[in-house]
Amino acid sequence: GKSTLIGIISSLVNLSEGQVEVFGSDLVRNRSATMRLIGLVPQEINFNLFEKPFDILVNYAGFYGVPREEAEQRAEEELKRAHLWEKAQVMSRTLSGG
């Protein structure tokens, strides 16, 4: 159900039938552009706990083909929007997951 849908939308699970659009962008036909429209924050820890939140966001954006300069700009914007900019350069292991 929900986990499969999230997996398909985030490209962690292959789509076997049907169609997925994100803000009008077709996931199968335009995967790279569509992935740039998606943000996924898993609850489980699957990153280096000694990395800083800013660096984690920039690196993950790179996995989805977002150019580094754009990733840095977007990471700053999103951390500020989430009121976490002051935590951007602290080690992730010191932050709460909840």
PDB file of N, CA and C in Angstrom:
ATOM      1  N   GLY A   1       0.787  -1.199   0.000  1.00  0.00           N
ATOM      2  CA  GLY A   1       0.000   0.000   0.000  1.00  0.00           C
ATOM      3  C   GLY A   1       0.830   1.265   0.000  1.00  0.00           C
ATOM      4  N   LYS A   2       0.851   1.930   1.146  1.00  0.00           N
ATOM      5  CA  LYS A   2       1.514   3.237   1.254  1.00  0.00           C
ATOM      6  C   LYS A   2       3.013   3.138   0.997  1.00  0.00           C
ATOM      7  N   SER A   3       3.657   2.134   1.592  1.00  0.00           N
ATOM      8  CA  SER A   3       5.106   1.990   1.424  1.00  0.00           C
ATOM      9  C   SER A   3       5.470   1.716  -0.029  1.00  0.00           C
ATOM     10  N   THR A   4       4.673   0.890  -0.696  1.00  0.00           N
ATOM     11  CA  THR A   4       4.918   0.599  -2.114  1.00  0.00           C
ATOM     12  C   THR A   4       4.753   1.859  -2.946  1.00  0.00           C
ATOM     13  N   LEU A   5       3.703   2.623  -2.690  1.00  0.00           N
ATOM     14  CA  LEU A   5       3.477   3.865  -3.431  1.00  0.00           C
ATOM     15  C   LEU A   5       4.639   4.833  -3.238  1.00  0.00           C
ATOM     16  N   ILE A   6       5.066   5.013  -1.999  1.00  0.00           N
ATOM     17  CA  ILE A   6       6.197   5.909  -1.736  1.00  0.00           C
ATOM     18  C   ILE A   6       7.447   5.374  -2.418  1.00  0.00           C
ATOM     19  N   GLY A   7       7.655   4.054  -2.375  1.00  0.00           N
ATOM     20  CA  GLY A   7       8.797   3.449  -3.046  1.00  0.00           C
ATOM     21  C   GLY A   7       8.785   3.682  -4.545  1.00  0.00           C
ATOM     22  N   ILE A   8       7.620   3.556  -5.166  1.00  0.00           N
ATOM     23  CA  ILE A   8       7.494   3.789  -6.612  1.00  0.00           C
ATOM     24  C   ILE A   8       7.743   5.256  -6.936  1.00  0.00           C
ATOM     25  N   ILE A   9       7.107   6.151  -6.202  1.00  0.00           N
ATOM     26  CA  ILE A   9       7.258   7.585  -6.469  1.00  0.00           C
ATOM     27  C   ILE A   9       8.707   8.026  -6.299  1.00  0.00           C
ATOM     28  N   SER A  10       9.397   7.455  -5.318  1.00  0.00           N
ATOM     29  CA  SER A  10      10.784   7.853  -5.068  1.00  0.00           C
ATOM     30  C   SER A  10      11.793   7.027  -5.865  1.00  0.00           C
ATOM     31  N   SER A  11      11.314   6.136  -6.728  1.00  0.00           N
ATOM     32  CA  SER A  11      12.146   5.281  -7.581  1.00  0.00           C
ATOM     33  C   SER A  11      12.930   4.231  -6.807  1.00  0.00           C
ATOM     34  N   LEU A  12      12.514   3.911  -5.596  1.00  0.00           N
ATOM     35  CA  LEU A  12      13.146   2.831  -4.846  1.00  0.00           C
ATOM     36  C   LEU A  12      12.544   1.487  -5.230  1.00  0.00           C
ATOM     37  N   VAL A  13      11.340   1.523  -5.819  1.00  0.00           N
ATOM     38  CA  VAL A  13      10.642   0.326  -6.294  1.00  0.00           C
ATOM     39  C   VAL A  13      10.262   0.570  -7.746  1.00  0.00           C
ATOM     40  N   ASN A  14      10.491  -0.425  -8.613  1.00  0.00           N
ATOM     41  CA  ASN A  14      10.149  -0.269 -10.027  1.00  0.00           C
ATOM     42  C   ASN A  14       8.642  -0.340 -10.242  1.00  0.00           C
ATOM     43  N   LEU A  15       8.150   0.524 -11.097  1.00  0.00           N
ATOM     44  CA  LEU A  15       6.739   0.554 -11.472  1.00  0.00           C
ATOM     45  C   LEU A  15       6.481  -0.585 -12.452  1.00  0.00           C
ATOM     46  N   SER A  16       5.546  -1.482 -12.121  1.00  0.00           N
ATOM     47  CA  SER A  16       5.274  -2.626 -12.995  1.00  0.00           C
ATOM     48  C   SER A  16       4.100  -2.369 -13.930  1.00  0.00           C
ATOM     49  N   GLU A  17       3.198  -1.488 -13.530  1.00  0.00           N
ATOM     50  CA  GLU A  17       2.079  -1.125 -14.400  1.00  0.00           C
ATOM     51  C   GLU A  17       1.525   0.213 -13.945  1.00  0.00           C
ATOM     52  N   GLY A  18       0.751   0.826 -14.814  1.00  0.00           N
ATOM     53  CA  GLY A  18       0.155   2.114 -14.482  1.00  0.00           C
ATOM     54  C   GLY A  18       1.075   3.279 -14.791  1.00  0.00           C
ATOM     55  N   GLN A  19       0.743   4.418 -14.240  1.00  0.00           N
ATOM     56  CA  GLN A  19       1.465   5.649 -14.536  1.00  0.00           C
ATOM     57  C   GLN A  19       1.546   6.491 -13.274  1.00  0.00           C
ATOM     58  N   VAL A  20       2.678   7.188 -13.098  1.00  0.00           N
ATOM     59  CA  VAL A  20       2.853   8.100 -11.974  1.00  0.00           C
ATOM     60  C   VAL A  20       3.255   9.458 -12.521  1.00  0.00           C
ATOM     61  N   GLU A  21       2.523  10.478 -12.119  1.00  0.00           N
ATOM     62  CA  GLU A  21       2.869  11.854 -12.461  1.00  0.00           C
ATOM     63  C   GLU A  21       3.058  12.638 -11.175  1.00  0.00           C
ATOM     64  N   VAL A  22       4.081  13.486 -11.168  1.00  0.00           N
ATOM     65  CA  VAL A  22       4.343  14.378 -10.048  1.00  0.00           C
ATOM     66  C   VAL A  22       4.297  15.792 -10.594  1.00  0.00           C
ATOM     67  N   PHE A  23       3.321  16.563 -10.146  1.00  0.00           N
ATOM     68  CA  PHE A  23       3.112  17.919 -10.649  1.00  0.00           C
ATOM     69  C   PHE A  23       3.106  17.953 -12.179  1.00  0.00           C
ATOM     70  N   GLY A  24       2.478  16.953 -12.791  1.00  0.00           N
ATOM     71  CA  GLY A  24       2.336  16.885 -14.239  1.00  0.00           C
ATOM     72  C   GLY A  24       3.511  16.269 -14.974  1.00  0.00           C
ATOM     73  N   SER A  25       4.568  15.903 -14.269  1.00  0.00           N
ATOM     74  CA  SER A  25       5.745  15.303 -14.894  1.00  0.00           C
ATOM     75  C   SER A  25       5.666  13.783 -14.765  1.00  0.00           C
ATOM     76  N   ASP A  26       5.743  13.081 -15.905  1.00  0.00           N
ATOM     77  CA  ASP A  26       5.622  11.624 -15.937  1.00  0.00           C
ATOM     78  C   ASP A  26       6.910  10.971 -15.439  1.00  0.00           C
ATOM     79  N   LEU A  27       6.783  10.133 -14.413  1.00  0.00           N
ATOM     80  CA  LEU A  27       7.936   9.492 -13.785  1.00  0.00           C
ATOM     81  C   LEU A  27       8.699   8.587 -14.743  1.00  0.00           C
ATOM     82  N   VAL A  28       8.002   7.852 -15.602  1.00  0.00           N
ATOM     83  CA  VAL A  28       8.661   6.918 -16.513  1.00  0.00           C
ATOM     84  C   VAL A  28       9.309   7.658 -17.681  1.00  0.00           C
ATOM     85  N   ARG A  29       8.595   8.574 -18.284  1.00  0.00           N
ATOM     86  CA  ARG A  29       9.104   9.284 -19.473  1.00  0.00           C
ATOM     87  C   ARG A  29      10.179  10.312 -19.136  1.00  0.00           C
ATOM     88  N   ASN A  30      10.092  10.909 -17.957  1.00  0.00           N
ATOM     89  CA  ASN A  30      10.996  12.001 -17.614  1.00  0.00           C
ATOM     90  C   ASN A  30      11.495  11.832 -16.178  1.00  0.00           C
ATOM     91  N   ARG A  31      12.120  10.693 -15.918  1.00  0.00           N
ATOM     92  CA  ARG A  31      12.529  10.325 -14.556  1.00  0.00           C
ATOM     93  C   ARG A  31      13.400  11.391 -13.892  1.00  0.00           C
ATOM     94  N   SER A  32      14.433  11.860 -14.562  1.00  0.00           N
ATOM     95  CA  SER A  32      15.364  12.804 -13.946  1.00  0.00           C
ATOM     96  C   SER A  32      14.663  14.096 -13.528  1.00  0.00           C
ATOM     97  N   ALA A  33      13.873  14.662 -14.425  1.00  0.00           N
ATOM     98  CA  ALA A  33      13.163  15.908 -14.107  1.00  0.00           C
ATOM     99  C   ALA A  33      12.127  15.681 -13.017  1.00  0.00           C
ATOM    100  N   THR A  34      11.452  14.530 -13.061  1.00  0.00           N
ATOM    101  CA  THR A  34      10.432  14.232 -12.054  1.00  0.00           C
ATOM    102  C   THR A  34      11.070  14.053 -10.685  1.00  0.00           C
ATOM    103  N   MET A  35      12.211  13.381 -10.626  1.00  0.00           N
ATOM    104  CA  MET A  35      12.872  13.152  -9.343  1.00  0.00           C
ATOM    105  C   MET A  35      13.311  14.458  -8.694  1.00  0.00           C
ATOM    106  N   ARG A  36      13.571  15.472  -9.490  1.00  0.00           N
ATOM    107  CA  ARG A  36      13.950  16.775  -8.930  1.00  0.00           C
ATOM    108  C   ARG A  36      12.792  17.444  -8.202  1.00  0.00           C
ATOM    109  N   LEU A  37      11.581  16.973  -8.458  1.00  0.00           N
ATOM    110  CA  LEU A  37      10.390  17.549  -7.831  1.00  0.00           C
ATOM    111  C   LEU A  37      10.034  16.869  -6.509  1.00  0.00           C
ATOM    112  N   ILE A  38      10.761  15.810  -6.166  1.00  0.00           N
ATOM    113  CA  ILE A  38      10.398  14.974  -5.024  1.00  0.00           C
ATOM    114  C   ILE A  38      11.395  15.152  -3.884  1.00  0.00           C
ATOM    115  N   GLY A  39      10.865  15.206  -2.678  1.00  0.00           N
ATOM    116  CA  GLY A  39      11.687  15.185  -1.471  1.00  0.00           C
ATOM    117  C   GLY A  39      11.216  14.051  -0.583  1.00  0.00           C
ATOM    118  N   LEU A  40      12.128  13.228  -0.122  1.00  0.00           N
ATOM    119  CA  LEU A  40      11.775  12.088   0.724  1.00  0.00           C
ATOM    120  C   LEU A  40      12.660  12.120   1.960  1.00  0.00           C
ATOM    121  N   VAL A  41      12.052  12.090   3.125  1.00  0.00           N
ATOM    122  CA  VAL A  41      12.798  12.095   4.380  1.00  0.00           C
ATOM    123  C   VAL A  41      12.426  10.842   5.164  1.00  0.00           C
ATOM    124  N   PRO A  42      13.237   9.791   5.060  1.00  0.00           N
ATOM    125  CA  PRO A  42      12.929   8.566   5.798  1.00  0.00           C
ATOM    126  C   PRO A  42      13.202   8.745   7.290  1.00  0.00           C
ATOM    127  N   GLN A  43      12.447   8.069   8.129  1.00  0.00           N
ATOM    128  CA  GLN A  43      12.649   8.158   9.576  1.00  0.00           C
ATOM    129  C   GLN A  43      13.880   7.371  10.016  1.00  0.00           C
ATOM    130  N   GLU A  44      14.122   6.213   9.375  1.00  0.00           N
ATOM    131  CA  GLU A  44      15.260   5.408   9.800  1.00  0.00           C
ATOM    132  C   GLU A  44      16.565   6.079   9.381  1.00  0.00           C
ATOM    133  N   ILE A  45      17.600   5.828  10.173  1.00  0.00           N
ATOM    134  CA  ILE A  45      18.898   6.457   9.923  1.00  0.00           C
ATOM    135  C   ILE A  45      19.619   5.662   8.843  1.00  0.00           C
ATOM    136  N   ASN A  46      19.908   6.307   7.733  1.00  0.00           N
ATOM    137  CA  ASN A  46      20.628   5.651   6.649  1.00  0.00           C
ATOM    138  C   ASN A  46      21.659   6.598   6.041  1.00  0.00           C
ATOM    139  N   PHE A  47      22.295   7.376   6.917  1.00  0.00           N
ATOM    140  CA  PHE A  47      23.338   8.292   6.489  1.00  0.00           C
ATOM    141  C   PHE A  47      24.410   8.340   7.570  1.00  0.00           C
ATOM    142  N   ASN A  48      25.515   8.964   7.275  1.00  0.00           N
ATOM    143  CA  ASN A  48      26.621   9.098   8.216  1.00  0.00           C
ATOM    144  C   ASN A  48      26.216  10.057   9.334  1.00  0.00           C
ATOM    145  N   LEU A  49      26.168   9.574  10.553  1.00  0.00           N
ATOM    146  CA  LEU A  49      25.748  10.396  11.693  1.00  0.00           C
ATOM    147  C   LEU A  49      26.708  11.541  11.991  1.00  0.00           C
ATOM    148  N   PHE A  50      27.894  11.502  11.391  1.00  0.00           N
ATOM    149  CA  PHE A  50      28.860  12.569  11.604  1.00  0.00           C
ATOM    150  C   PHE A  50      28.788  13.630  10.508  1.00  0.00           C
ATOM    151  N   GLU A  51      27.893  13.415   9.539  1.00  0.00           N
ATOM    152  CA  GLU A  51      27.652  14.422   8.503  1.00  0.00           C
ATOM    153  C   GLU A  51      26.737  15.508   9.037  1.00  0.00           C
ATOM    154  N   LYS A  52      26.797  16.652   8.401  1.00  0.00           N
ATOM    155  CA  LYS A  52      25.948  17.786   8.781  1.00  0.00           C
ATOM    156  C   LYS A  52      24.693  17.778   7.908  1.00  0.00           C
ATOM    157  N   PRO A  53      23.562  18.226   8.443  1.00  0.00           N
ATOM    158  CA  PRO A  53      22.310  18.216   7.676  1.00  0.00           C
ATOM    159  C   PRO A  53      22.426  18.870   6.296  1.00  0.00           C
ATOM    160  N   PHE A  54      23.118  19.993   6.213  1.00  0.00           N
ATOM    161  CA  PHE A  54      23.272  20.670   4.924  1.00  0.00           C
ATOM    162  C   PHE A  54      23.943  19.742   3.921  1.00  0.00           C
ATOM    163  N   ASP A  55      25.034  19.095   4.341  1.00  0.00           N
ATOM    164  CA  ASP A  55      25.777  18.202   3.448  1.00  0.00           C
ATOM    165  C   ASP A  55      24.959  16.975   3.064  1.00  0.00           C
ATOM    166  N   ILE A  56      24.175  16.458   4.003  1.00  0.00           N
ATOM    167  CA  ILE A  56      23.324  15.304   3.708  1.00  0.00           C
ATOM    168  C   ILE A  56      22.326  15.657   2.613  1.00  0.00           C
ATOM    169  N   LEU A  57      21.673  16.802   2.741  1.00  0.00           N
ATOM    170  CA  LEU A  57      20.686  17.218   1.737  1.00  0.00           C
ATOM    171  C   LEU A  57      21.330  17.410   0.370  1.00  0.00           C
ATOM    172  N   VAL A  58      22.491  18.044   0.340  1.00  0.00           N
ATOM    173  CA  VAL A  58      23.186  18.281  -0.933  1.00  0.00           C
ATOM    174  C   VAL A  58      23.588  16.951  -1.571  1.00  0.00           C
ATOM    175  N   ASN A  59      24.121  16.031  -0.776  1.00  0.00           N
ATOM    176  CA  ASN A  59      24.537  14.730  -1.310  1.00  0.00           C
ATOM    177  C   ASN A  59      23.351  13.924  -1.829  1.00  0.00           C
ATOM    178  N   TYR A  60      22.258  13.888  -1.077  1.00  0.00           N
ATOM    179  CA  TYR A  60      21.076  13.152  -1.526  1.00  0.00           C
ATOM    180  C   TYR A  60      20.501  13.760  -2.796  1.00  0.00           C
ATOM    181  N   ALA A  61      20.508  15.071  -2.909  1.00  0.00           N
ATOM    182  CA  ALA A  61      20.024  15.715  -4.133  1.00  0.00           C
ATOM    183  C   ALA A  61      20.862  15.263  -5.324  1.00  0.00           C
ATOM    184  N   GLY A  62      22.157  15.095  -5.105  1.00  0.00           N
ATOM    185  CA  GLY A  62      23.039  14.616  -6.164  1.00  0.00           C
ATOM    186  C   GLY A  62      22.669  13.228  -6.647  1.00  0.00           C
ATOM    187  N   PHE A  63      22.177  12.367  -5.746  1.00  0.00           N
ATOM    188  CA  PHE A  63      21.736  11.030  -6.142  1.00  0.00           C
ATOM    189  C   PHE A  63      20.598  11.106  -7.152  1.00  0.00           C
ATOM    190  N   TYR A  64      19.835  12.180  -7.109  1.00  0.00           N
ATOM    191  CA  TYR A  64      18.683  12.358  -7.998  1.00  0.00           C
ATOM    192  C   TYR A  64      19.000  13.280  -9.174  1.00  0.00           C
ATOM    193  N   GLY A  65      20.271  13.570  -9.394  1.00  0.00           N
ATOM    194  CA  GLY A  65      20.672  14.332 -10.565  1.00  0.00           C
ATOM    195  C   GLY A  65      20.570  15.837 -10.436  1.00  0.00           C
ATOM    196  N   VAL A  66      20.372  16.345  -9.231  1.00  0.00           N
ATOM    197  CA  VAL A  66      20.296  17.796  -9.043  1.00  0.00           C
ATOM    198  C   VAL A  66      21.724  18.338  -9.037  1.00  0.00           C
ATOM    199  N   PRO A  67      22.032  19.317  -9.893  1.00  0.00           N
ATOM    200  CA  PRO A  67      23.382  19.892  -9.920  1.00  0.00           C
ATOM    201  C   PRO A  67      23.763  20.470  -8.551  1.00  0.00           C
ATOM    202  N   ARG A  68      25.043  20.380  -8.190  1.00  0.00           N
ATOM    203  CA  ARG A  68      25.504  20.769  -6.849  1.00  0.00           C
ATOM    204  C   ARG A  68      25.104  22.196  -6.477  1.00  0.00           C
ATOM    205  N   GLU A  69      25.309  23.149  -7.363  1.00  0.00           N
ATOM    206  CA  GLU A  69      24.979  24.542  -7.042  1.00  0.00           C
ATOM    207  C   GLU A  69      23.492  24.690  -6.712  1.00  0.00           C
ATOM    208  N   GLU A  70      22.644  24.052  -7.513  1.00  0.00           N
ATOM    209  CA  GLU A  70      21.200  24.088  -7.258  1.00  0.00           C
ATOM    210  C   GLU A  70      20.873  23.367  -5.955  1.00  0.00           C
ATOM    211  N   ALA A  71      21.541  22.245  -5.708  1.00  0.00           N
ATOM    212  CA  ALA A  71      21.298  21.481  -4.479  1.00  0.00           C
ATOM    213  C   ALA A  71      21.655  22.298  -3.244  1.00  0.00           C
ATOM    214  N   GLU A  72      22.758  23.024  -3.302  1.00  0.00           N
ATOM    215  CA  GLU A  72      23.161  23.858  -2.166  1.00  0.00           C
ATOM    216  C   GLU A  72      22.141  24.959  -1.911  1.00  0.00           C
ATOM    217  N   GLN A  73      21.679  25.585  -2.983  1.00  0.00           N
ATOM    218  CA  GLN A  73      20.679  26.649  -2.852  1.00  0.00           C
ATOM    219  C   GLN A  73      19.380  26.092  -2.265  1.00  0.00           C
ATOM    220  N   ARG A  74      18.937  24.962  -2.796  1.00  0.00           N
ATOM    221  CA  ARG A  74      17.683  24.363  -2.320  1.00  0.00           C
ATOM    222  C   ARG A  74      17.808  23.847  -0.891  1.00  0.00           C
ATOM    223  N   ALA A  75      18.972  23.301  -0.540  1.00  0.00           N
ATOM    224  CA  ALA A  75      19.183  22.828   0.834  1.00  0.00           C
ATOM    225  C   ALA A  75      19.051  23.993   1.810  1.00  0.00           C
ATOM    226  N   GLU A  76      19.654  25.111   1.472  1.00  0.00           N
ATOM    227  CA  GLU A  76      19.539  26.297   2.334  1.00  0.00           C
ATOM    228  C   GLU A  76      18.084  26.748   2.442  1.00  0.00           C
ATOM    229  N   GLU A  77      17.399  26.830   1.304  1.00  0.00           N
ATOM    230  CA  GLU A  77      15.996  27.259   1.307  1.00  0.00           C
ATOM    231  C   GLU A  77      15.132  26.341   2.170  1.00  0.00           C
ATOM    232  N   GLU A  78      15.311  25.037   2.007  1.00  0.00           N
ATOM    233  CA  GLU A  78      14.463  24.087   2.730  1.00  0.00           C
ATOM    234  C   GLU A  78      14.785  24.046   4.221  1.00  0.00           C
ATOM    235  N   LEU A  79      16.059  24.148   4.571  1.00  0.00           N
ATOM    236  CA  LEU A  79      16.407  24.192   5.991  1.00  0.00           C
ATOM    237  C   LEU A  79      15.836  25.447   6.645  1.00  0.00           C
ATOM    238  N   LYS A  80      15.878  26.556   5.935  1.00  0.00           N
ATOM    239  CA  LYS A  80      15.292  27.794   6.470  1.00  0.00           C
ATOM    240  C   LYS A  80      13.777  27.659   6.587  1.00  0.00           C
ATOM    241  N   ARG A  81      13.153  27.068   5.582  1.00  0.00           N
ATOM    242  CA  ARG A  81      11.702  26.903   5.594  1.00  0.00           C
ATOM    243  C   ARG A  81      11.262  26.011   6.755  1.00  0.00           C
ATOM    244  N   ALA A  82      12.088  25.026   7.096  1.00  0.00           N
ATOM    245  CA  ALA A  82      11.777  24.122   8.206  1.00  0.00           C
ATOM    246  C   ALA A  82      12.280  24.666   9.553  1.00  0.00           C
ATOM    247  N   HIS A  83      12.768  25.894   9.531  1.00  0.00           N
ATOM    248  CA  HIS A  83      13.310  26.535  10.741  1.00  0.00           C
ATOM    249  C   HIS A  83      14.459  25.720  11.335  1.00  0.00           C
ATOM    250  N   LEU A  84      15.298  25.173  10.450  1.00  0.00           N
ATOM    251  CA  LEU A  84      16.439  24.364  10.879  1.00  0.00           C
ATOM    252  C   LEU A  84      17.779  24.917  10.394  1.00  0.00           C
ATOM    253  N   TRP A  85      17.774  26.117   9.833  1.00  0.00           N
ATOM    254  CA  TRP A  85      19.004  26.670   9.276  1.00  0.00           C
ATOM    255  C   TRP A  85      20.110  26.755  10.332  1.00  0.00           C
ATOM    256  N   GLU A  86      19.731  27.064  11.576  1.00  0.00           N
ATOM    257  CA  GLU A  86      20.737  27.171  12.642  1.00  0.00           C
ATOM    258  C   GLU A  86      21.364  25.812  12.969  1.00  0.00           C
ATOM    259  N   LYS A  87      20.771  24.732  12.496  1.00  0.00           N
ATOM    260  CA  LYS A  87      21.304  23.380  12.717  1.00  0.00           C
ATOM    261  C   LYS A  87      22.012  22.832  11.481  1.00  0.00           C
ATOM    262  N   ALA A  88      22.138  23.625  10.444  1.00  0.00           N
ATOM    263  CA  ALA A  88      22.670  23.155   9.158  1.00  0.00           C
ATOM    264  C   ALA A  88      24.093  22.625   9.246  1.00  0.00           C
ATOM    265  N   GLN A  89      24.884  23.141  10.175  1.00  0.00           N
ATOM    266  CA  GLN A  89      26.296  22.772  10.241  1.00  0.00           C
ATOM    267  C   GLN A  89      26.670  22.018  11.517  1.00  0.00           C
ATOM    268  N   VAL A  90      25.682  21.415  12.180  1.00  0.00           N
ATOM    269  CA  VAL A  90      25.989  20.595  13.359  1.00  0.00           C
ATOM    270  C   VAL A  90      25.958  19.119  12.958  1.00  0.00           C
ATOM    271  N   MET A  91      26.648  18.280  13.700  1.00  0.00           N
ATOM    272  CA  MET A  91      26.644  16.852  13.385  1.00  0.00           C
ATOM    273  C   MET A  91      25.249  16.273  13.589  1.00  0.00           C
ATOM    274  N   SER A  92      24.819  15.493  12.629  1.00  0.00           N
ATOM    275  CA  SER A  92      23.467  14.928  12.657  1.00  0.00           C
ATOM    276  C   SER A  92      23.214  14.069  13.889  1.00  0.00           C
ATOM    277  N   ARG A  93      24.237  13.439  14.401  1.00  0.00           N
ATOM    278  CA  ARG A  93      24.048  12.560  15.561  1.00  0.00           C
ATOM    279  C   ARG A  93      23.562  13.319  16.787  1.00  0.00           C
ATOM    280  N   THR A  94      23.709  14.648  16.773  1.00  0.00           N
ATOM    281  CA  THR A  94      23.275  15.449  17.920  1.00  0.00           C
ATOM    282  C   THR A  94      21.819  15.883  17.806  1.00  0.00           C
ATOM    283  N   LEU A  95      21.170  15.571  16.681  1.00  0.00           N
ATOM    284  CA  LEU A  95      19.799  16.025  16.441  1.00  0.00           C
ATOM    285  C   LEU A  95      18.781  14.941  16.770  1.00  0.00           C
ATOM    286  N   SER A  96      17.583  15.370  17.109  1.00  0.00           N
ATOM    287  CA  SER A  96      16.480  14.456  17.382  1.00  0.00           C
ATOM    288  C   SER A  96      15.869  13.976  16.072  1.00  0.00           C
ATOM    289  N   GLY A  97      15.453  12.722  16.010  1.00  0.00           N
ATOM    290  CA  GLY A  97      14.795  12.192  14.816  1.00  0.00           C
ATOM    291  C   GLY A  97      13.310  12.425  14.815  1.00  0.00           C
ATOM    292  N   GLY A  98      12.759  12.858  15.910  1.00  0.00           N
ATOM    293  CA  GLY A  98      11.312  13.010  16.033  1.00  0.00           C
ATOM    294  C   GLY A  98      10.846  14.363  15.882  1.00  0.00           C
TER     295      GLY A  98
END
